[in-house]
Amino acid sequence: MKKIKILGPGCRKCQIAYNNVLEAVEQSGVEADVIKIEDLEEMMRYNVLATPVLMIDEEEKVAGRVPNVNEIKEFLSTQ
């Protein structure tokens, strides 16, 4: 099972990124645990400089922009 995290303060872009992840997981059929992290202290543990951040299995994939559904599905299929 994949561990997917969206890190961000809960802004509109972060919510869109989270929704895109849920959609990509559903479309790809991959089993995943999707977590939204909005706590600033916890985000700082990941050295977040720009949000939203998409992490898959503790590897940063996208930072500072909203990944689209197809891009996320590509990440899920290549791991």
Protein backbone atom coordinates (compact mmCIF):
# COMPACT_ATOMS: atom_id res chain seq x y z
CA MET A 1 0.00 0.00 0.00
CA LYS A 2 1.29 3.42 -0.94
CA LYS A 3 1.54 6.24 1.60
CA ILE A 4 0.59 9.54 0.01
CA LYS A 5 0.83 12.85 1.84
CA ILE A 6 -0.33 16.30 0.85
CA LEU A 7 1.41 18.96 2.93
CA GLY A 8 -0.03 22.45 3.09
CA PRO A 9 -1.81 24.92 5.35
CA GLY A 10 -5.29 24.07 4.08
CA CYS A 11 -5.41 26.70 1.33
CA ARG A 12 -7.46 26.32 -1.83
CA LYS A 13 -4.51 24.92 -3.83
CA CYS A 14 -3.80 22.37 -1.11
CA GLN A 15 -7.43 21.23 -1.13
CA ILE A 16 -7.39 20.89 -4.92
CA ALA A 17 -4.16 18.86 -4.73
CA TYR A 18 -5.73 16.59 -2.09
CA ASN A 19 -8.86 16.09 -4.22
CA ASN A 20 -6.70 15.35 -7.28
CA VAL A 21 -4.82 12.69 -5.31
CA LEU A 22 -8.08 11.05 -4.23
CA GLU A 23 -9.31 11.07 -7.84
CA ALA A 24 -6.02 9.64 -9.17
CA VAL A 25 -6.02 6.87 -6.56
CA GLU A 26 -9.62 5.97 -7.45
CA GLN A 27 -8.96 5.97 -11.19
CA SER A 28 -5.73 3.98 -10.96
CA GLY A 29 -7.08 1.38 -8.54
CA VAL A 30 -3.93 1.63 -6.41
CA GLU A 31 -4.26 0.91 -2.72
CA ALA A 32 -3.14 4.01 -0.88
CA ASP A 33 -3.30 5.67 2.48
CA VAL A 34 -3.87 9.37 1.73
CA ILE A 35 -3.03 11.84 4.48
CA LYS A 36 -3.46 15.61 4.50
CA ILE A 37 -0.94 17.35 6.76
CA GLU A 38 -1.86 20.91 7.72
CA ASP A 39 0.08 21.22 10.98
CA LEU A 40 2.90 23.75 10.50
CA GLU A 41 5.28 22.01 12.91
CA GLU A 42 4.83 18.68 11.16
CA MET A 43 5.30 20.31 7.75
CA MET A 44 8.56 21.85 8.95
CA ARG A 45 9.91 18.35 9.68
CA TYR A 46 9.77 17.82 5.91
CA ASN A 47 11.56 21.13 5.17
CA VAL A 48 8.58 22.42 3.21
CA LEU A 49 9.42 25.68 1.46
CA ALA A 50 6.45 25.94 -0.92
CA THR A 51 3.02 24.35 -0.72
CA PRO A 52 1.29 22.20 -1.66
CA VAL A 53 3.73 19.30 -1.48
CA LEU A 54 2.90 15.83 -2.81
CA MET A 55 4.85 13.00 -1.23
CA ILE A 56 4.57 9.35 -2.19
CA ASP A 57 6.21 6.82 0.12
CA GLU A 58 8.19 9.64 1.80
CA GLU A 59 9.60 10.89 -1.53
CA GLU A 60 8.76 14.46 -2.56
CA LYS A 61 7.23 14.41 -6.04
CA VAL A 62 5.79 17.93 -6.46
CA ALA A 63 6.24 21.13 -4.47
CA GLY A 64 4.81 24.59 -4.91
CA ARG A 65 2.14 23.72 -7.44
CA VAL A 66 -0.96 21.59 -7.86
CA PRO A 67 -0.31 18.31 -9.69
CA ASN A 68 -3.07 17.24 -12.05
CA VAL A 69 -4.80 13.85 -11.84
CA ASN A 70 -2.92 12.33 -14.80
CA GLU A 71 0.44 13.42 -13.40
CA ILE A 72 -0.37 11.78 -10.06
CA LYS A 73 -1.52 8.60 -11.81
CA GLU A 74 1.83 8.54 -13.62
CA PHE A 75 3.68 8.77 -10.30
CA LEU A 76 1.56 5.93 -8.92
CA SER A 77 2.22 3.68 -11.92
CA THR A 78 6.00 4.17 -11.96
CA GLN A 79 6.65 3.24 -8.35
